[in-house]
Amino acid sequence: MTTLTALALTCSLKPSPAPSSSALIADQVLAEFHKRGVKGDNIRLVDFDIRPGVETDMGHGDQWPQIRSRIMAADILLVSTPTWLGQMSSVAKRALERLDAELSETDDRGRPTMFGKTAAVSVVGNEDGAHSIVASMFQALNDCGFTIPAQGCTYWNGEAMTPGDYNDLDSVPEAVATANATLGRNAVHLARLLREQSYPVTDS
């Protein structure tokens, strides 16, 4: 069986090594991938100098190209974001803006570069917004060429207007654990199918 790889982009506003709920839930999803034979890494985007723009390389020390190369090497991309003011983080938005460049990039067979790759999303926050964030993220990732698995998201919403973070919990809530496992199972299944038979070349 071919070994698949995954990459998690944690879009926390907190640089390493500060505790991050977004990083924690991403690690939990990566653990579900690992159970199914998929190797994965988690990187925190705020630790990199990612310049604004919609090109694959904005120059002047832009570190997105090294992240892009890791996305290109992965079969599964997981984007994990906190919720701020009911929205995904600015870091997550920056990542989507940079992925916009892939709309005009093609592989050696003329297909968009992200065709054949699976994408999933995880969201945390002590306010509403997870469903809206997931919907926006799925639409953007699909536009860029990623394929979304059934129930390809997981999230945790704490009680609104009260303190507390996901990484403060003593254990993973059963509903979140179930969602993590479903995401892991379906994303790996889809990634294997796409590895065996990806999308066809555009008709001439």
Foldseek 3Di string as FASTA:
>chain_A
DDEFEEEEEEADPDDPPDDDLLQVLVVLLQVLLVVVRYHYDYDYQNNAQADAAQACDPDPRHPSVVVVVVVLRHQEYEYTAEADPLEGDPSVVRVLSNLNNQLPDADPLRHRSQFLHAYAYEYEYQAHRPVVHRVVVVVSVVSSHHDYWDLRYAYDHHHHPDDDTPVVDPDDDPVRSVSSNVNSVRNVVSSVVSVVPTDDRDDD
